[in-house]
Amino acid sequence: TEVSVWIPEFDGPIGVGSTSGGSYFVLAHQHGSESFAGRFLLFKVNGTNAEETEVWRKGGADELDLSVN
């Protein structure tokens, strides 16, 4: 199962990972010189939008349970 992280202003994901044993790990990369601080992150599971969002924090590493309908 693929999990991807998006910022609405970008045409592609800023990070992609996969699940293993019901857990996932995604490393999201900041692009360019402009800070992502305070921008909302959107998540997709196998291309379907997850209900949850998160706010970008430099160096942040949070566990987030994702759900899709």
PDB file of N, CA and C in Angstrom:
ATOM      1  N   THR A   1       0.849  -1.175   0.000  1.00  0.00           N
ATOM      2  CA  THR A   1       0.000   0.000   0.000  1.00  0.00           C
ATOM      3  C   THR A   1       0.890   1.232   0.000  1.00  0.00           C
ATOM      4  N   GLU A   2       0.629   2.163  -0.904  1.00  0.00           N
ATOM      5  CA  GLU A   2       1.429   3.386  -0.997  1.00  0.00           C
ATOM      6  C   GLU A   2       0.789   4.516  -0.200  1.00  0.00           C
ATOM      7  N   VAL A   3       1.608   5.247   0.550  1.00  0.00           N
ATOM      8  CA  VAL A   3       1.183   6.440   1.274  1.00  0.00           C
ATOM      9  C   VAL A   3       1.999   7.601   0.733  1.00  0.00           C
ATOM     10  N   SER A   4       1.326   8.683   0.331  1.00  0.00           N
ATOM     11  CA  SER A   4       2.035   9.849  -0.190  1.00  0.00           C
ATOM     12  C   SER A   4       1.598  11.104   0.555  1.00  0.00           C
ATOM     13  N   VAL A   5       2.511  12.084   0.587  1.00  0.00           N
ATOM     14  CA  VAL A   5       2.278  13.353   1.277  1.00  0.00           C
ATOM     15  C   VAL A   5       2.296  14.463   0.235  1.00  0.00           C
ATOM     16  N   TRP A   6       1.319  15.355   0.315  1.00  0.00           N
ATOM     17  CA  TRP A   6       1.150  16.417  -0.677  1.00  0.00           C
ATOM     18  C   TRP A   6       0.995  17.768   0.010  1.00  0.00           C
ATOM     19  N   ILE A   7       1.392  18.814  -0.696  1.00  0.00           N
ATOM     20  CA  ILE A   7       1.051  20.194  -0.350  1.00  0.00           C
ATOM     21  C   ILE A   7       0.208  20.689  -1.517  1.00  0.00           C
ATOM     22  N   PRO A   8      -0.961  21.280  -1.246  1.00  0.00           N
ATOM     23  CA  PRO A   8      -1.892  21.628  -2.325  1.00  0.00           C
ATOM     24  C   PRO A   8      -1.279  22.423  -3.483  1.00  0.00           C
ATOM     25  N   GLU A   9      -0.275  23.245  -3.220  1.00  0.00           N
ATOM     26  CA  GLU A   9       0.305  24.083  -4.267  1.00  0.00           C
ATOM     27  C   GLU A   9       1.193  23.310  -5.236  1.00  0.00           C
ATOM     28  N   PHE A  10       1.516  22.053  -4.940  1.00  0.00           N
ATOM     29  CA  PHE A  10       2.428  21.263  -5.762  1.00  0.00           C
ATOM     30  C   PHE A  10       1.659  20.267  -6.626  1.00  0.00           C
ATOM     31  N   ASP A  11       2.212  19.980  -7.806  1.00  0.00           N
ATOM     32  CA  ASP A  11       1.586  19.037  -8.732  1.00  0.00           C
ATOM     33  C   ASP A  11       1.881  17.578  -8.402  1.00  0.00           C
ATOM     34  N   GLY A  12       2.871  17.340  -7.549  1.00  0.00           N
ATOM     35  CA  GLY A  12       3.250  15.980  -7.206  1.00  0.00           C
ATOM     36  C   GLY A  12       3.503  15.864  -5.719  1.00  0.00           C
ATOM     37  N   PRO A  13       3.651  14.634  -5.234  1.00  0.00           N
ATOM     38  CA  PRO A  13       3.879  14.431  -3.803  1.00  0.00           C
ATOM     39  C   PRO A  13       5.256  14.932  -3.374  1.00  0.00           C
ATOM     40  N   ILE A  14       5.359  15.329  -2.107  1.00  0.00           N
ATOM     41  CA  ILE A  14       6.659  15.725  -1.556  1.00  0.00           C
ATOM     42  C   ILE A  14       7.298  14.563  -0.802  1.00  0.00           C
ATOM     43  N   GLY A  15       6.582  13.456  -0.704  1.00  0.00           N
ATOM     44  CA  GLY A  15       7.117  12.251  -0.081  1.00  0.00           C
ATOM     45  C   GLY A  15       6.233  11.062  -0.377  1.00  0.00           C
ATOM     46  N   VAL A  16       6.850   9.887  -0.515  1.00  0.00           N
ATOM     47  CA  VAL A  16       6.112   8.656  -0.795  1.00  0.00           C
ATOM     48  C   VAL A  16       6.726   7.540   0.039  1.00  0.00           C
ATOM     49  N   GLY A  17       5.872   6.720   0.626  1.00  0.00           N
ATOM     50  CA  GLY A  17       6.326   5.567   1.391  1.00  0.00           C
ATOM     51  C   GLY A  17       5.355   4.421   1.207  1.00  0.00           C
ATOM     52  N   SER A  18       5.601   3.328   1.893  1.00  0.00           N
ATOM     53  CA  SER A  18       4.700   2.185   1.803  1.00  0.00           C
ATOM     54  C   SER A  18       4.434   1.635   3.195  1.00  0.00           C
ATOM     55  N   THR A  19       3.376   0.844   3.290  1.00  0.00           N
ATOM     56  CA  THR A  19       3.005   0.266   4.578  1.00  0.00           C
ATOM     57  C   THR A  19       3.699  -1.072   4.779  1.00  0.00           C
ATOM     58  N   SER A  20       3.867  -1.408   6.041  1.00  0.00           N
ATOM     59  CA  SER A  20       4.422  -2.704   6.415  1.00  0.00           C
ATOM     60  C   SER A  20       3.828  -3.082   7.763  1.00  0.00           C
ATOM     61  N   GLY A  21       3.092  -4.169   7.809  1.00  0.00           N
ATOM     62  CA  GLY A  21       2.483  -4.611   9.053  1.00  0.00           C
ATOM     63  C   GLY A  21       1.493  -3.617   9.629  1.00  0.00           C
ATOM     64  N   GLY A  22       0.827  -2.843   8.757  1.00  0.00           N
ATOM     65  CA  GLY A  22      -0.166  -1.877   9.209  1.00  0.00           C
ATOM     66  C   GLY A  22       0.407  -0.520   9.569  1.00  0.00           C
ATOM     67  N   SER A  23       1.728  -0.352   9.494  1.00  0.00           N
ATOM     68  CA  SER A  23       2.375   0.925   9.786  1.00  0.00           C
ATOM     69  C   SER A  23       2.999   1.474   8.514  1.00  0.00           C
ATOM     70  N   TYR A  24       3.282   2.765   8.513  1.00  0.00           N
ATOM     71  CA  TYR A  24       3.928   3.376   7.356  1.00  0.00           C
ATOM     72  C   TYR A  24       4.968   4.380   7.819  1.00  0.00           C
ATOM     73  N   PHE A  25       5.911   4.674   6.938  1.00  0.00           N
ATOM     74  CA  PHE A  25       6.931   5.690   7.176  1.00  0.00           C
ATOM     75  C   PHE A  25       7.089   6.476   5.891  1.00  0.00           C
ATOM     76  N   VAL A  26       6.946   7.798   5.986  1.00  0.00           N
ATOM     77  CA  VAL A  26       7.125   8.667   4.822  1.00  0.00           C
ATOM     78  C   VAL A  26       8.039   9.808   5.231  1.00  0.00           C
ATOM     79  N   LEU A  27       9.070  10.038   4.446  1.00  0.00           N
ATOM     80  CA  LEU A  27       9.952  11.179   4.651  1.00  0.00           C
ATOM     81  C   LEU A  27       9.556  12.236   3.627  1.00  0.00           C
ATOM     82  N   ALA A  28       9.028  13.366   4.107  1.00  0.00           N
ATOM     83  CA  ALA A  28       8.584  14.446   3.224  1.00  0.00           C
ATOM     84  C   ALA A  28       9.704  15.467   3.094  1.00  0.00           C
ATOM     85  N   HIS A  29      10.031  15.817   1.860  1.00  0.00           N
ATOM     86  CA  HIS A  29      11.143  16.723   1.578  1.00  0.00           C
ATOM     87  C   HIS A  29      10.645  18.117   1.243  1.00  0.00           C
ATOM     88  N   GLN A  30      11.272  19.127   1.836  1.00  0.00           N
ATOM     89  CA  GLN A  30      10.976  20.512   1.477  1.00  0.00           C
ATOM     90  C   GLN A  30      11.718  20.837   0.191  1.00  0.00           C
ATOM     91  N   HIS A  31      11.032  21.457  -0.759  1.00  0.00           N
ATOM     92  CA  HIS A  31      11.611  21.790  -2.060  1.00  0.00           C
ATOM     93  C   HIS A  31      11.854  23.289  -2.154  1.00  0.00           C
ATOM     94  N   GLY A  32      12.943  23.674  -2.782  1.00  0.00           N
ATOM     95  CA  GLY A  32      13.221  25.089  -3.001  1.00  0.00           C
ATOM     96  C   GLY A  32      13.648  25.797  -1.736  1.00  0.00           C
ATOM     97  N   SER A  33      13.699  27.113  -1.811  1.00  0.00           N
ATOM     98  CA  SER A  33      14.195  27.907  -0.684  1.00  0.00           C
ATOM     99  C   SER A  33      13.081  28.442   0.213  1.00  0.00           C
ATOM    100  N   GLU A  34      11.828  28.383  -0.247  1.00  0.00           N
ATOM    101  CA  GLU A  34      10.716  28.888   0.552  1.00  0.00           C
ATOM    102  C   GLU A  34      10.311  27.855   1.604  1.00  0.00           C
ATOM    103  N   SER A  35      10.120  28.308   2.837  1.00  0.00           N
ATOM    104  CA  SER A  35       9.766  27.418   3.935  1.00  0.00           C
ATOM    105  C   SER A  35       8.346  26.875   3.774  1.00  0.00           C
ATOM    106  N   PHE A  36       8.156  25.618   4.161  1.00  0.00           N
ATOM    107  CA  PHE A  36       6.828  25.014   4.197  1.00  0.00           C
ATOM    108  C   PHE A  36       6.143  25.265   5.542  1.00  0.00           C
ATOM    109  N   ALA A  37       6.804  25.953   6.458  1.00  0.00           N
ATOM    110  CA  ALA A  37       6.281  26.150   7.816  1.00  0.00           C
ATOM    111  C   ALA A  37       4.840  26.650   7.785  1.00  0.00           C
ATOM    112  N   GLY A  38       3.973  25.964   8.522  1.00  0.00           N
ATOM    113  CA  GLY A  38       2.577  26.359   8.637  1.00  0.00           C
ATOM    114  C   GLY A  38       1.676  25.882   7.517  1.00  0.00           C
ATOM    115  N   ARG A  39       2.224  25.285   6.467  1.00  0.00           N
ATOM    116  CA  ARG A  39       1.381  24.789   5.368  1.00  0.00           C
ATOM    117  C   ARG A  39       0.778  23.438   5.735  1.00  0.00           C
ATOM    118  N   PHE A  40      -0.404  23.189   5.201  1.00  0.00           N
ATOM    119  CA  PHE A  40      -1.083  21.927   5.464  1.00  0.00           C
ATOM    120  C   PHE A  40      -0.545  20.820   4.576  1.00  0.00           C
ATOM    121  N   LEU A  41      -0.349  19.657   5.169  1.00  0.00           N
ATOM    122  CA  LEU A  41       0.027  18.455   4.440  1.00  0.00           C
ATOM    123  C   LEU A  41      -1.223  17.620   4.226  1.00  0.00           C
ATOM    124  N   LEU A  42      -1.369  17.119   3.022  1.00  0.00           N
ATOM    125  CA  LEU A  42      -2.462  16.217   2.684  1.00  0.00           C
ATOM    126  C   LEU A  42      -1.865  14.834   2.470  1.00  0.00           C
ATOM    127  N   PHE A  43      -2.615  13.801   2.807  1.00  0.00           N
ATOM    128  CA  PHE A  43      -2.129  12.431   2.678  1.00  0.00           C
ATOM    129  C   PHE A  43      -3.033  11.656   1.734  1.00  0.00           C
ATOM    130  N   LYS A  44      -2.422  10.773   0.954  1.00  0.00           N
ATOM    131  CA  LYS A  44      -3.171   9.875   0.079  1.00  0.00           C
ATOM    132  C   LYS A  44      -2.719   8.451   0.355  1.00  0.00           C
ATOM    133  N   VAL A  45      -3.677   7.535   0.345  1.00  0.00           N
ATOM    134  CA  VAL A  45      -3.403   6.112   0.498  1.00  0.00           C
ATOM    135  C   VAL A  45      -3.838   5.444  -0.796  1.00  0.00           C
ATOM    136  N   ASN A  46      -2.868   4.891  -1.519  1.00  0.00           N
ATOM    137  CA  ASN A  46      -3.121   4.315  -2.851  1.00  0.00           C
ATOM    138  C   ASN A  46      -3.882   5.289  -3.746  1.00  0.00           C
ATOM    139  N   GLY A  47      -3.521   6.578  -3.676  1.00  0.00           N
ATOM    140  CA  GLY A  47      -4.116   7.593  -4.538  1.00  0.00           C
ATOM    141  C   GLY A  47      -5.432   8.171  -4.054  1.00  0.00           C
ATOM    142  N   THR A  48      -5.969   7.662  -2.946  1.00  0.00           N
ATOM    143  CA  THR A  48      -7.226   8.157  -2.390  1.00  0.00           C
ATOM    144  C   THR A  48      -6.933   9.094  -1.228  1.00  0.00           C
ATOM    145  N   ASN A  49      -7.572  10.262  -1.223  1.00  0.00           N
ATOM    146  CA  ASN A  49      -7.342  11.237  -0.155  1.00  0.00           C
ATOM    147  C   ASN A  49      -7.714  10.661   1.204  1.00  0.00           C
ATOM    148  N   ALA A  50      -6.808  10.828   2.167  1.00  0.00           N
ATOM    149  CA  ALA A  50      -7.102  10.467   3.554  1.00  0.00           C
ATOM    150  C   ALA A  50      -7.869  11.616   4.195  1.00  0.00           C
ATOM    151  N   GLU A  51      -8.627  11.319   5.233  1.00  0.00           N
ATOM    152  CA  GLU A  51      -9.412  12.345   5.919  1.00  0.00           C
ATOM    153  C   GLU A  51      -8.527  13.274   6.746  1.00  0.00           C
ATOM    154  N   GLU A  52      -7.381  12.793   7.194  1.00  0.00           N
ATOM    155  CA  GLU A  52      -6.520  13.544   8.101  1.00  0.00           C
ATOM    156  C   GLU A  52      -5.597  14.495   7.343  1.00  0.00           C
ATOM    157  N   THR A  53      -5.247  15.599   7.990  1.00  0.00           N
ATOM    158  CA  THR A  53      -4.240  16.535   7.506  1.00  0.00           C
ATOM    159  C   THR A  53      -3.294  16.824   8.669  1.00  0.00           C
ATOM    160  N   GLU A  54      -2.191  17.460   8.366  1.00  0.00           N
ATOM    161  CA  GLU A  54      -1.216  17.821   9.395  1.00  0.00           C
ATOM    162  C   GLU A  54      -0.557  19.121   8.957  1.00  0.00           C
ATOM    163  N   VAL A  55      -0.020  19.880   9.899  1.00  0.00           N
ATOM    164  CA  VAL A  55       0.691  21.118   9.587  1.00  0.00           C
ATOM    165  C   VAL A  55       2.187  20.818   9.563  1.00  0.00           C
ATOM    166  N   TRP A  56       2.880  21.301   8.516  1.00  0.00           N
ATOM    167  CA  TRP A  56       4.321  21.090   8.372  1.00  0.00           C
ATOM    168  C   TRP A  56       5.068  21.733   9.526  1.00  0.00           C
ATOM    169  N   ARG A  57       5.970  20.972  10.115  1.00  0.00           N
ATOM    170  CA  ARG A  57       6.904  21.482  11.121  1.00  0.00           C
ATOM    171  C   ARG A  57       8.280  20.969  10.752  1.00  0.00           C
ATOM    172  N   LYS A  58       9.245  21.862  10.603  1.00  0.00           N
ATOM    173  CA  LYS A  58      10.605  21.459  10.263  1.00  0.00           C
ATOM    174  C   LYS A  58      11.114  20.467  11.305  1.00  0.00           C
ATOM    175  N   GLY A  59      11.588  19.325  10.837  1.00  0.00           N
ATOM    176  CA  GLY A  59      12.098  18.297  11.730  1.00  0.00           C
ATOM    177  C   GLY A  59      11.020  17.505  12.440  1.00  0.00           C
ATOM    178  N   GLY A  60       9.756  17.760  12.115  1.00  0.00           N
ATOM    179  CA  GLY A  60       8.655  17.065  12.776  1.00  0.00           C
ATOM    180  C   GLY A  60       8.619  15.592  12.415  1.00  0.00           C
ATOM    181  N   ALA A  61       8.215  14.791  13.363  1.00  0.00           N
ATOM    182  CA  ALA A  61       8.056  13.351  13.145  1.00  0.00           C
ATOM    183  C   ALA A  61       6.896  12.889  14.016  1.00  0.00           C
ATOM    184  N   ASP A  62       5.717  12.874  13.442  1.00  0.00           N
ATOM    185  CA  ASP A  62       4.518  12.533  14.198  1.00  0.00           C
ATOM    186  C   ASP A  62       3.902  11.244  13.684  1.00  0.00           C
ATOM    187  N   GLU A  63       3.314  10.493  14.605  1.00  0.00           N
ATOM    188  CA  GLU A  63       2.502   9.345  14.213  1.00  0.00           C
ATOM    189  C   GLU A  63       1.112   9.853  13.885  1.00  0.00           C
ATOM    190  N   LEU A  64       0.576   9.406  12.775  1.00  0.00           N
ATOM    191  CA  LEU A  64      -0.746   9.841  12.353  1.00  0.00           C
ATOM    192  C   LEU A  64      -1.491   8.636  11.795  1.00  0.00           C
ATOM    193  N   ASP A  65      -2.608   8.291  12.418  1.00  0.00           N
ATOM    194  CA  ASP A  65      -3.450   7.220  11.898  1.00  0.00           C
ATOM    195  C   ASP A  65      -4.241   7.779  10.726  1.00  0.00           C
ATOM    196  N   LEU A  66      -4.137   7.136   9.581  1.00  0.00           N
ATOM    197  CA  LEU A  66      -4.826   7.603   8.380  1.00  0.00           C
ATOM    198  C   LEU A  66      -6.043   6.741   8.098  1.00  0.00           C
ATOM    199  N   SER A  67      -7.104   7.395   7.614  1.00  0.00           N
ATOM    200  CA  SER A  67      -8.305   6.661   7.227  1.00  0.00           C
ATOM    201  C   SER A  67      -8.816   7.208   5.902  1.00  0.00           C
ATOM    202  N   VAL A  68      -9.333   6.319   5.078  1.00  0.00           N
ATOM    203  CA  VAL A  68      -9.938   6.698   3.800  1.00  0.00           C
ATOM    204  C   VAL A  68     -11.319   6.073   3.724  1.00  0.00           C
ATOM    205  N   ASN A  69     -12.202   6.731   3.011  1.00  0.00           N
ATOM    206  CA  ASN A  69     -13.558   6.198   2.821  1.00  0.00           C
ATOM    207  C   ASN A  69     -13.747   5.755   1.402  1.00  0.00           C
TER     208      ASN A  69
END
